[in-house]
Amino acid sequence: MTPLPTDAIGRSEQVTDTLDLRQAQLMQLTLDRPATYQAGDPLPPFWHYLYFNPQIRHSDLGPDGHEQLGRFIPDFGLQRRMWAGGHVSIDAPLRLGETVDKTSTIRAIDEKNGRSGRLCFVTVDHDFSVDGEHRLRETQNIVYRAAPTVGSTPPPGKPAPEDAEFSRVVTPDPVFLFRYSALIFYGHRIHYDADYTRDVEGYPGVVVHGPLIATLLIQLGLEHLGPRALTSFDIRAMAPLFGDAPFPLEGRKTPEGATLWARRPDDTIAMTVTLHAAS
């Protein structure tokens, strides 16, 4: 067993990127919207995933198309990586055209043994600032685990709520997922290579990106907040969605903002997002 590299806690790196207008317009087109954004417009919440992505040479990718572990995130000897969500707090929006500094710091590394075996949980804090002025902070949770054994079945999911006040159905397809992968410069094969996803990772089909589901849920919630400014939100990824079937996004307003969830075909929850808005 690979020892837990707790000496990596506190490891930090900084990336500077300019919030290119064209990149945001391409995201609008990917979401089947007209490209209307202009320089100076606020970057929509969670669209920072379009930027700041590590510039990884092809030879530094693993067989799964993801960056090999060991550069920033340690190598735990575990093959499967899952984005589990996190928390984002917003002091002020990032704006298109700005040059932004992102500082990432490994805050915690924890190990547990679950039904599927050994799990490593990594918490990374990402701080975003412009000319030294803090704008937003994301706490990101990532889980690493071993590849599934043949014939293993996932644990039962949590039933989705039945009290939605609003909803929207998303119909994914391979081109939609591929374009998002390209926009975030992300080569993880589970999002576009069906044979690899099925034969190696053990999923029944290509996986919809967790950050993409979160982006769509946040977008739906914002449409129902009215003029109230978004101050923070929490994301919890609970089970995957696959690119071969439509899935509903549902939600309801709360005194604090809104609660939203993505529903799986078996009526369990794939992801929840909780929005907190200014009063």
Protein backbone atom coordinates (compact mmCIF):
# COMPACT_ATOMS: atom_id res chain seq x y z
CA MET A 1 0.00 0.00 0.00
CA THR A 2 1.29 3.46 -0.92
CA PRO A 3 1.87 5.47 2.29
CA LEU A 4 -0.28 8.54 2.79
CA PRO A 5 1.83 11.60 1.75
CA THR A 6 0.73 13.96 4.50
CA ASP A 7 3.85 16.07 3.91
CA ALA A 8 2.04 17.45 0.84
CA ILE A 9 -0.43 19.30 3.06
CA GLY A 10 0.29 23.00 2.63
CA ARG A 11 1.77 22.54 -0.83
CA SER A 12 0.85 25.55 -2.97
CA GLU A 13 1.03 26.72 -6.58
CA GLN A 14 -0.05 29.87 -8.42
CA VAL A 15 -1.43 30.28 -11.93
CA THR A 16 -2.21 33.58 -13.67
CA ASP A 17 -4.72 33.69 -16.50
CA THR A 18 -6.62 36.32 -18.44
CA LEU A 19 -10.37 35.75 -18.66
CA ASP A 20 -10.49 35.65 -22.43
CA LEU A 21 -13.80 36.86 -23.88
CA ARG A 22 -13.77 34.34 -26.72
CA GLN A 23 -13.56 31.42 -24.28
CA ALA A 24 -16.70 32.57 -22.49
CA GLN A 25 -18.52 33.10 -25.78
CA LEU A 26 -17.60 29.57 -26.85
CA MET A 27 -19.11 28.32 -23.60
CA GLN A 28 -22.31 30.20 -24.41
CA LEU A 29 -22.42 28.48 -27.79
CA THR A 30 -21.76 25.09 -26.17
CA LEU A 31 -24.79 25.71 -23.94
CA ASP A 32 -26.81 26.48 -27.11
CA ARG A 33 -26.99 30.20 -26.40
CA PRO A 34 -25.96 33.15 -28.59
CA ALA A 35 -22.48 34.53 -27.96
CA THR A 36 -23.47 37.82 -26.33
CA TYR A 37 -20.85 38.45 -23.63
CA GLN A 38 -18.67 41.55 -23.82
CA ALA A 39 -15.44 42.55 -22.11
CA GLY A 40 -16.13 43.71 -18.58
CA ASP A 41 -19.18 41.49 -18.08
CA PRO A 42 -19.19 39.37 -14.89
CA LEU A 43 -18.01 35.82 -15.42
CA PRO A 44 -20.96 33.56 -14.53
CA PRO A 45 -20.55 31.52 -11.35
CA PHE A 46 -18.41 28.40 -11.80
CA TRP A 47 -17.28 29.39 -15.28
CA HIS A 48 -13.78 29.84 -13.84
CA TYR A 49 -13.33 26.17 -14.78
CA LEU A 50 -12.84 27.45 -18.33
CA TYR A 51 -9.56 29.05 -17.23
CA PHE A 52 -6.46 28.37 -15.09
CA ASN A 53 -6.16 24.77 -16.27
CA PRO A 54 -2.64 23.28 -16.01
CA GLN A 55 -0.66 23.28 -19.24
CA ILE A 56 0.20 19.59 -19.28
CA ARG A 57 2.29 18.08 -22.08
CA HIS A 58 0.81 15.03 -23.77
CA SER A 59 3.64 12.85 -22.46
CA ASP A 60 2.73 13.82 -18.88
CA LEU A 61 -0.79 12.42 -19.15
CA GLY A 62 -1.70 9.04 -17.69
CA PRO A 63 -3.43 6.23 -19.60
CA ASP A 64 -6.78 7.70 -18.51
CA GLY A 65 -6.00 10.99 -20.25
CA HIS A 66 -5.74 12.82 -16.93
CA GLU A 67 -2.58 14.46 -15.61
CA GLN A 68 -0.32 11.92 -13.93
CA LEU A 69 -0.29 12.32 -10.18
CA GLY A 70 2.84 13.48 -8.43
CA ARG A 71 3.30 17.03 -9.70
CA PHE A 72 0.91 18.88 -7.38
CA ILE A 73 -1.51 16.25 -6.10
CA PRO A 74 0.48 13.29 -4.69
CA ASP A 75 0.33 9.81 -6.18
CA PHE A 76 -1.77 7.65 -3.85
CA GLY A 77 -1.47 4.49 -5.91
CA LEU A 78 -5.18 4.71 -6.71
CA GLN A 79 -6.43 4.68 -10.29
CA ARG A 80 -9.81 6.40 -10.25
CA ARG A 81 -10.31 10.13 -9.66
CA MET A 82 -13.73 11.59 -8.78
CA TRP A 83 -14.62 15.26 -8.37
CA ALA A 84 -16.82 15.36 -5.25
CA GLY A 85 -17.83 19.03 -5.15
CA GLY A 86 -17.00 21.71 -2.62
CA HIS A 87 -17.85 25.25 -1.57
CA VAL A 88 -17.46 28.62 -3.32
CA SER A 89 -17.69 32.00 -1.60
CA ILE A 90 -17.93 35.18 -3.68
CA ASP A 91 -16.72 38.56 -2.43
CA ALA A 92 -16.92 40.16 -5.89
CA PRO A 93 -17.35 38.68 -9.37
CA LEU A 94 -14.51 38.02 -11.75
CA ARG A 95 -14.94 39.99 -14.99
CA LEU A 96 -14.17 39.09 -18.56
CA GLY A 97 -10.90 40.59 -19.73
CA GLU A 98 -9.34 40.74 -16.26
CA THR A 99 -6.02 39.12 -15.41
CA VAL A 100 -6.57 36.90 -12.38
CA ASP A 101 -4.19 35.17 -9.99
CA LYS A 102 -5.27 31.75 -8.71
CA THR A 103 -3.44 30.32 -5.71
CA SER A 104 -4.11 26.64 -4.96
CA THR A 105 -3.17 25.05 -1.64
CA ILE A 106 -3.62 21.46 -0.46
CA ARG A 107 -5.44 21.86 2.84
CA ALA A 108 -6.11 18.27 3.87
CA ILE A 109 -5.46 14.65 2.88
CA ASP A 110 -7.50 11.93 4.57
CA GLU A 111 -7.70 8.19 4.08
CA LYS A 112 -10.67 5.91 4.71
CA ASN A 113 -11.76 2.38 3.90
CA GLY A 114 -15.18 2.11 2.32
CA ARG A 115 -17.24 -0.62 0.70
CA SER A 116 -15.13 -0.31 -2.43
CA GLY A 117 -11.82 -0.39 -0.56
CA ARG A 118 -9.25 2.29 0.16
CA LEU A 119 -10.25 5.93 -0.45
CA CYS A 120 -8.14 9.10 -0.31
CA PHE A 121 -9.89 12.45 0.12
CA VAL A 122 -8.03 15.61 -0.90
CA THR A 123 -9.21 19.12 -0.03
CA VAL A 124 -7.73 21.96 -2.09
CA ASP A 125 -8.36 25.67 -1.53
CA HIS A 126 -8.30 27.92 -4.60
CA ASP A 127 -8.11 31.67 -3.99
CA PHE A 128 -8.75 34.10 -6.87
CA SER A 129 -7.57 37.72 -6.80
CA VAL A 130 -7.17 40.66 -9.19
CA ASP A 131 -4.32 43.12 -8.54
CA GLY A 132 -4.13 41.82 -4.96
CA GLU A 133 -7.87 42.21 -4.36
CA HIS A 134 -9.53 38.98 -3.23
CA ARG A 135 -12.56 38.05 -5.35
CA LEU A 136 -13.62 34.48 -4.62
CA ARG A 137 -12.52 31.25 -2.98
CA GLU A 138 -13.28 27.66 -3.92
CA THR A 139 -12.77 24.71 -1.63
CA GLN A 140 -12.55 21.66 -3.88
CA ASN A 141 -13.03 18.06 -2.74
CA ILE A 142 -11.48 15.22 -4.76
CA VAL A 143 -11.69 11.48 -4.08
CA TYR A 144 -9.20 8.87 -5.26
CA ARG A 145 -10.06 5.16 -5.21
CA ALA A 146 -9.05 1.88 -6.80
CA ALA A 147 -10.60 0.67 -10.03
CA PRO A 148 -13.75 -1.38 -9.43
CA THR A 149 -13.63 -5.15 -9.39
CA VAL A 150 -15.48 -7.05 -12.09
CA GLY A 151 -19.12 -7.56 -11.18
CA SER A 152 -19.14 -5.03 -8.35
CA THR A 153 -22.32 -3.01 -7.86
CA PRO A 154 -22.48 0.57 -6.61
CA PRO A 155 -24.23 1.31 -3.31
CA PRO A 156 -27.88 2.41 -3.48
CA GLY A 157 -28.40 6.12 -4.06
CA LYS A 158 -30.37 8.67 -2.08
CA PRO A 159 -33.91 9.24 -3.41
CA ALA A 160 -34.43 12.59 -5.12
CA PRO A 161 -36.90 15.04 -3.54
CA GLU A 162 -40.39 15.21 -4.96
CA ASP A 163 -41.15 18.85 -4.09
CA ALA A 164 -39.45 20.66 -6.98
CA GLU A 165 -40.87 24.10 -7.83
CA PHE A 166 -39.04 24.36 -11.16
CA SER A 167 -37.14 22.02 -13.44
CA ARG A 168 -35.38 21.64 -16.78
CA VAL A 169 -34.36 18.54 -18.72
CA VAL A 170 -30.83 18.32 -20.13
CA THR A 171 -30.22 16.01 -23.07
CA PRO A 172 -26.48 15.35 -23.31
CA ASP A 173 -24.73 13.98 -26.35
CA PRO A 174 -21.09 13.14 -27.21
CA VAL A 175 -20.48 16.45 -28.98
CA PHE A 176 -21.75 18.48 -26.02
CA LEU A 177 -19.44 16.63 -23.62
CA PHE A 178 -16.50 16.79 -26.03
CA ARG A 179 -16.83 20.55 -26.49
CA TYR A 180 -16.87 21.10 -22.72
CA SER A 181 -13.78 18.90 -22.32
CA ALA A 182 -12.05 20.96 -25.00
CA LEU A 183 -13.02 24.27 -23.38
CA ILE A 184 -11.54 23.27 -20.02
CA PHE A 185 -8.53 21.54 -21.69
CA TYR A 186 -9.39 18.31 -19.91
CA GLY A 187 -8.38 14.98 -21.43
CA HIS A 188 -9.99 12.56 -18.96
CA ARG A 189 -11.22 9.76 -21.23
CA ILE A 190 -14.33 8.91 -19.20
CA HIS A 191 -16.01 11.94 -20.79
CA TYR A 192 -15.59 10.98 -24.45
CA ASP A 193 -14.12 7.47 -24.89
CA ALA A 194 -17.01 5.04 -24.44
CA ASP A 195 -14.92 1.87 -24.89
CA TYR A 196 -12.34 2.96 -22.31
CA THR A 197 -15.03 4.14 -19.91
CA ARG A 198 -16.86 0.82 -20.08
CA ASP A 199 -13.96 -1.64 -20.34
CA VAL A 200 -11.43 0.00 -17.98
CA GLU A 201 -13.35 2.26 -15.58
CA GLY A 202 -16.39 -0.01 -15.35
CA TYR A 203 -19.01 2.65 -16.07
CA PRO A 204 -21.93 1.83 -18.40
CA GLY A 205 -21.24 4.86 -20.61
CA VAL A 206 -19.38 8.16 -20.90
CA VAL A 207 -19.67 10.29 -17.77
CA VAL A 208 -21.08 13.81 -17.69
CA HIS A 209 -18.53 16.19 -16.14
CA GLY A 210 -19.28 17.04 -12.51
CA PRO A 211 -18.39 20.73 -12.95
CA LEU A 212 -20.66 20.89 -15.99
CA ILE A 213 -23.62 19.52 -14.01
CA ALA A 214 -22.86 22.03 -11.26
CA THR A 215 -22.70 24.87 -13.76
CA LEU A 216 -26.10 23.93 -15.19
CA LEU A 217 -27.69 23.63 -11.73
CA ILE A 218 -26.30 27.01 -10.64
CA GLN A 219 -27.56 28.60 -13.87
CA LEU A 220 -31.06 27.22 -13.25
CA GLY A 221 -31.06 28.47 -9.66
CA LEU A 222 -29.94 31.96 -10.64
CA GLU A 223 -32.93 32.26 -12.96
CA HIS A 224 -35.16 32.02 -9.88
CA LEU A 225 -33.23 34.24 -7.44
CA GLY A 226 -34.38 37.46 -9.02
CA PRO A 227 -32.19 40.50 -8.27
CA ARG A 228 -30.56 38.91 -5.20
CA ALA A 229 -26.77 38.61 -5.57
CA LEU A 230 -25.22 35.17 -5.16
CA THR A 231 -22.78 35.15 -2.21
CA SER A 232 -21.82 31.47 -1.92
CA PHE A 233 -22.85 27.97 -2.91
CA ASP A 234 -22.20 24.37 -1.90
CA ILE A 235 -21.88 21.43 -4.28
CA ARG A 236 -22.07 17.76 -3.43
CA ALA A 237 -21.55 15.15 -6.16
CA MET A 238 -23.16 11.89 -5.08
CA ALA A 239 -23.38 9.63 -8.15
CA PRO A 240 -22.50 9.89 -11.85
CA LEU A 241 -24.72 10.79 -14.75
CA PHE A 242 -24.06 9.27 -18.15
CA GLY A 243 -24.15 10.83 -21.58
CA ASP A 244 -26.66 8.48 -23.15
CA ALA A 245 -29.83 9.62 -21.37
CA PRO A 246 -31.62 12.91 -20.58
CA PHE A 247 -31.60 14.00 -16.95
CA PRO A 248 -33.78 16.52 -15.09
CA LEU A 249 -32.40 19.45 -13.13
CA GLU A 250 -34.82 20.38 -10.36
CA GLY A 251 -35.00 22.87 -7.54
CA ARG A 252 -36.95 24.98 -5.12
CA LYS A 253 -36.46 28.39 -3.57
CA THR A 254 -35.47 28.72 0.09
CA PRO A 255 -35.22 31.73 2.43
CA GLU A 256 -31.44 31.64 1.93
CA GLY A 257 -31.58 31.24 -1.86
CA ALA A 258 -32.29 27.92 -3.54
CA THR A 259 -31.70 24.18 -3.31
CA LEU A 260 -31.21 22.24 -6.53
CA TRP A 261 -30.49 18.68 -7.56
CA ALA A 262 -29.83 16.57 -10.64
CA ARG A 263 -32.00 13.46 -10.89
CA ARG A 264 -30.70 10.12 -12.15
CA PRO A 265 -32.86 7.74 -14.24
CA ASP A 266 -33.51 5.62 -11.13
CA ASP A 267 -34.89 8.72 -9.32
CA THR A 268 -31.87 9.07 -7.03
CA ILE A 269 -29.69 12.17 -6.66
CA ALA A 270 -26.62 12.68 -8.82
CA MET A 271 -25.67 16.08 -7.38
CA THR A 272 -27.00 18.78 -5.08
CA VAL A 273 -26.27 22.51 -5.16
CA THR A 274 -27.27 24.94 -2.43
CA LEU A 275 -27.25 28.63 -3.33
CA HIS A 276 -26.91 31.39 -0.74
CA ALA A 277 -27.95 34.89 -1.81
CA ALA A 278 -27.79 38.33 -0.26
CA SER A 279 -30.97 39.40 1.50
